[in-house]
Amino acid sequence: MAVIPSPSPPPRSEIAPGVWLDARLGVFFADCKLLVVADLHWGYVESHRARGNLLPWWGDDEIDRRLRALVADYAPSEMLWLGDSLHALSGRTRAEAFLQNAPVPVTVLAGNHDARWSASQSHTLRRGEFYFHHGDRAPADRAPGTIEVIGHHHPAVSFWDGAGLRLKLPALVSTAARLVLPAFSPWAAGSPWPQSQPGETLWAISPRRLFKLPAPSPLPR
């Protein structure tokens, strides 16, 4: 009898002490057992169909599946949705269904897409040295010395071979003072991040591998 190998677990990498980036586009903060995802855009299709745009029913099942898989693998004490959890208020059905039966407590921060949603009443969260907010506006109460964790920008990186092949992958942007998380939504194409600056690290994320991109060389004096 042929033996079917078990699928390999999705890759992950410790991008800072106790901070784990997972290829399923979540970030786990081990010290506070917090699982963070950004820009889920639940109800993308539902909200478009409410306006008469008949997109195929796809996306929310994928969001639900990846969230539950991440919770099962990391066993967090808490999950944080870092804003733009909805695409529009008219697409809140599946998000609210998930929250009613969530496997762990979920904190929902407000983003520019879901500021009117009753589930997203807070704009910021502090856990240890990390200060979380969506990233669409500068917070007024960030404590000095904290590490800012935001979404909003949907960072991505693009590769091409000069012969017509192009590939765009979601990315995480890291500096000593800030993390910019990838969009969790399967509908998010991402925006290519500008050429990284000294001290800034880009992590390209594919389903089977995480790529730490080389830092740019310092400019000559």
Protein backbone atom coordinates (compact mmCIF):
# COMPACT_ATOMS: atom_id res chain seq x y z
CA MET A 1 0.00 0.00 0.00
CA ALA A 2 1.36 3.39 -0.98
CA VAL A 3 1.97 5.79 1.88
CA ILE A 4 0.68 9.29 1.24
CA PRO A 5 2.97 11.78 2.98
CA SER A 6 1.38 14.29 5.32
CA PRO A 7 1.36 17.83 3.96
CA SER A 8 4.18 20.00 5.23
CA PRO A 9 3.13 22.67 7.72
CA PRO A 10 3.08 26.20 6.31
CA PRO A 11 6.42 27.93 6.78
CA ARG A 12 6.98 30.51 9.46
CA SER A 13 9.90 32.67 10.52
CA GLU A 14 10.83 34.56 13.68
CA ILE A 15 11.21 38.07 12.28
CA ALA A 16 11.96 39.62 15.70
CA PRO A 17 12.37 38.07 19.16
CA GLY A 18 9.09 36.29 19.89
CA VAL A 19 7.38 37.60 16.72
CA TRP A 20 6.49 34.91 14.19
CA LEU A 21 5.39 35.56 10.61
CA ASP A 22 3.30 32.73 9.16
CA ALA A 23 2.86 32.09 5.43
CA ARG A 24 -0.90 32.16 5.98
CA LEU A 25 -0.50 35.95 6.46
CA GLY A 26 -0.85 36.05 10.22
CA VAL A 27 1.66 37.24 12.84
CA PHE A 28 1.94 35.63 16.29
CA PHE A 29 3.33 37.60 19.25
CA ALA A 30 4.49 34.80 21.52
CA ASP A 31 5.09 36.75 24.75
CA CYS A 32 1.46 37.88 24.95
CA LYS A 33 0.06 34.92 22.96
CA LEU A 34 -1.61 37.31 20.51
CA LEU A 35 -2.45 36.34 16.92
CA VAL A 36 -2.76 39.38 14.64
CA VAL A 37 -4.19 39.69 11.12
CA ALA A 38 -4.85 42.85 9.14
CA ASP A 39 -7.18 43.91 6.33
CA LEU A 40 -9.40 40.83 6.18
CA HIS A 41 -12.06 42.62 4.07
CA TRP A 42 -14.75 40.11 5.01
CA GLY A 43 -17.76 40.32 2.70
CA TYR A 44 -15.91 41.66 -0.33
CA VAL A 45 -18.26 39.80 -2.67
CA GLU A 46 -21.36 40.36 -0.54
CA SER A 47 -20.78 44.13 -0.49
CA HIS A 48 -20.15 44.24 -4.25
CA ARG A 49 -23.29 42.21 -4.96
CA ALA A 50 -25.28 44.63 -2.79
CA ARG A 51 -24.26 47.30 -5.34
CA GLY A 52 -25.15 45.12 -8.34
CA ASN A 53 -21.64 43.83 -9.16
CA LEU A 54 -22.12 40.08 -9.58
CA LEU A 55 -18.75 38.74 -8.52
CA PRO A 56 -18.42 34.96 -7.93
CA TRP A 57 -19.05 33.80 -4.36
CA TRP A 58 -15.50 33.31 -3.16
CA GLY A 59 -13.22 34.54 -0.39
CA ASP A 60 -15.00 34.37 2.95
CA ASP A 61 -14.63 30.60 3.27
CA GLU A 62 -10.88 31.02 2.70
CA ILE A 63 -10.67 33.70 5.41
CA ASP A 64 -12.56 31.49 7.86
CA ARG A 65 -10.41 28.43 7.07
CA ARG A 66 -7.08 30.23 7.52
CA LEU A 67 -8.15 31.94 10.75
CA ARG A 68 -9.22 28.65 12.31
CA ALA A 69 -6.06 26.89 11.14
CA LEU A 70 -3.87 29.61 12.66
CA VAL A 71 -5.74 29.41 15.96
CA ALA A 72 -5.41 25.63 15.99
CA ASP A 73 -1.64 25.80 15.36
CA TYR A 74 -0.68 28.67 17.67
CA ALA A 75 -3.31 28.35 20.45
CA PRO A 76 -3.38 32.12 21.10
CA SER A 77 -5.06 33.64 24.12
CA GLU A 78 -6.46 36.40 21.92
CA MET A 79 -6.86 37.31 18.27
CA LEU A 80 -6.62 40.87 16.96
CA TRP A 81 -8.17 42.11 13.71
CA LEU A 82 -6.12 45.17 12.84
CA GLY A 83 -8.75 47.22 10.99
CA ASP A 84 -10.53 46.97 7.65
CA SER A 85 -12.01 43.73 8.89
CA LEU A 86 -14.97 44.42 6.58
CA HIS A 87 -14.85 45.60 3.00
CA ALA A 88 -18.09 47.50 3.58
CA LEU A 89 -20.83 47.49 6.20
CA SER A 90 -23.18 45.71 3.78
CA GLY A 91 -20.78 42.73 3.75
CA ARG A 92 -20.68 42.02 7.49
CA THR A 93 -22.67 38.74 7.55
CA ARG A 94 -19.80 36.23 7.65
CA ALA A 95 -17.62 38.38 9.93
CA GLU A 96 -20.37 38.61 12.51
CA ALA A 97 -21.07 34.88 12.22
CA PHE A 98 -17.39 34.15 12.92
CA LEU A 99 -17.35 36.47 15.93
CA GLN A 100 -20.42 34.80 17.42
CA ASN A 101 -18.64 31.44 17.46
CA ALA A 102 -14.98 32.48 17.55
CA PRO A 103 -12.60 29.85 18.97
CA VAL A 104 -10.75 32.54 20.99
CA PRO A 105 -11.59 36.08 22.13
CA VAL A 106 -11.29 38.55 19.23
CA THR A 107 -10.50 42.26 19.52
CA VAL A 108 -11.57 44.28 16.47
CA LEU A 109 -9.90 47.63 15.77
CA ALA A 110 -11.54 50.15 13.47
CA GLY A 111 -10.16 50.87 10.02
CA ASN A 112 -11.29 53.25 7.32
CA HIS A 113 -13.51 50.58 5.69
CA ASP A 114 -15.39 49.56 8.84
CA ALA A 115 -15.43 52.63 11.10
CA ARG A 116 -19.26 52.51 11.26
CA TRP A 117 -19.38 48.82 12.26
CA SER A 118 -20.51 48.37 15.86
CA ALA A 119 -17.98 45.55 16.43
CA SER A 120 -15.04 47.88 15.76
CA GLN A 121 -15.28 50.52 18.45
CA SER A 122 -11.61 50.87 19.41
CA HIS A 123 -8.84 52.37 17.30
CA THR A 124 -5.73 51.32 19.25
CA LEU A 125 -4.46 48.52 21.46
CA ARG A 126 -1.32 48.22 23.61
CA ARG A 127 0.22 44.88 24.47
CA GLY A 128 3.62 45.07 26.15
CA GLU A 129 6.02 47.01 23.94
CA PHE A 130 3.71 46.82 20.90
CA TYR A 131 1.22 49.50 19.90
CA PHE A 132 -1.43 48.36 17.43
CA HIS A 133 -3.63 50.49 15.16
CA HIS A 134 -4.90 50.28 11.61
CA GLY A 135 -2.48 52.77 10.08
CA ASP A 136 -4.85 55.05 8.17
CA ARG A 137 -4.16 57.94 10.54
CA ALA A 138 -1.47 58.88 13.03
CA PRO A 139 -2.47 58.01 16.62
CA ALA A 140 -2.31 60.71 19.25
CA ASP A 141 -1.59 58.53 22.28
CA ARG A 142 1.30 56.31 21.18
CA ALA A 143 3.79 56.00 24.01
CA PRO A 144 7.46 56.76 23.24
CA GLY A 145 9.57 53.68 22.66
CA THR A 146 6.73 51.39 21.61
CA ILE A 147 6.85 49.38 18.39
CA GLU A 148 4.05 50.37 16.02
CA VAL A 149 2.12 47.54 14.32
CA ILE A 150 -0.17 48.56 11.47
CA GLY A 151 -1.95 47.30 8.37
CA HIS A 152 -3.79 49.48 5.81
CA HIS A 153 -1.06 49.62 3.14
CA HIS A 154 -1.38 46.04 1.74
CA PRO A 155 2.38 45.81 1.09
CA ALA A 156 3.59 43.54 -1.71
CA VAL A 157 6.75 42.88 -3.68
CA SER A 158 7.05 42.20 -7.40
CA PHE A 159 9.54 40.05 -9.27
CA TRP A 160 10.11 39.83 -13.02
CA ASP A 161 12.57 38.04 -15.27
CA GLY A 162 12.84 40.61 -18.07
CA ALA A 163 11.16 38.24 -20.52
CA GLY A 164 7.54 38.83 -19.57
CA LEU A 165 7.13 36.76 -16.40
CA ARG A 166 5.88 38.79 -13.43
CA LEU A 167 5.09 37.63 -9.91
CA LYS A 168 3.62 39.69 -7.07
CA LEU A 169 3.62 38.41 -3.49
CA PRO A 170 2.24 39.86 -0.26
CA ALA A 171 4.90 41.23 2.07
CA LEU A 172 5.58 42.30 5.62
CA VAL A 173 7.69 45.41 6.21
CA SER A 174 9.85 45.52 9.32
CA THR A 175 11.96 48.17 11.02
CA ALA A 176 13.14 48.50 14.62
CA ALA A 177 10.15 50.73 15.38
CA ARG A 178 7.38 49.50 13.06
CA LEU A 179 5.79 46.46 11.44
CA VAL A 180 3.49 46.81 8.43
CA LEU A 181 1.44 43.64 8.07
CA PRO A 182 0.27 42.04 4.81
CA ALA A 183 -3.40 42.08 3.90
CA PHE A 184 -5.16 38.88 4.96
CA SER A 185 -7.90 39.15 2.33
CA PRO A 186 -7.59 36.71 -0.60
CA TRP A 187 -8.97 39.49 -2.81
CA ALA A 188 -6.15 41.93 -1.94
CA ALA A 189 -3.67 42.17 -4.79
CA GLY A 190 -1.32 44.33 -2.73
CA SER A 191 0.60 47.49 -3.57
CA PRO A 192 4.30 47.12 -4.42
CA TRP A 193 6.29 48.60 -1.56
CA PRO A 194 8.79 51.31 -2.52
CA GLN A 195 12.47 50.43 -2.53
CA SER A 196 13.31 49.66 1.08
CA GLN A 197 15.44 52.07 3.04
CA PRO A 198 18.45 51.21 5.23
CA GLY A 199 17.15 49.57 8.39
CA GLU A 200 14.00 48.34 6.66
CA THR A 201 13.45 44.64 5.90
CA LEU A 202 10.93 43.23 3.43
CA TRP A 203 9.61 39.70 3.87
CA ALA A 204 8.01 38.31 0.72
CA ILE A 205 5.40 35.67 1.54
CA SER A 206 4.52 32.68 -0.61
CA PRO A 207 2.48 29.65 0.52
CA ARG A 208 5.63 27.48 0.70
CA ARG A 209 8.43 29.88 1.54
CA LEU A 210 9.20 33.20 3.21
CA PHE A 211 11.86 35.34 1.55
CA LYS A 212 13.87 37.89 3.52
CA LEU A 213 14.90 40.32 0.80
CA PRO A 214 18.40 41.78 0.83
CA ALA A 215 18.75 45.18 2.42
CA PRO A 216 19.77 48.00 0.10
CA SER A 217 23.41 49.02 0.10
CA PRO A 218 24.23 52.28 1.87
CA LEU A 219 24.54 55.25 -0.41
CA PRO A 220 28.15 56.30 -1.09
CA ARG A 221 29.33 59.38 0.79
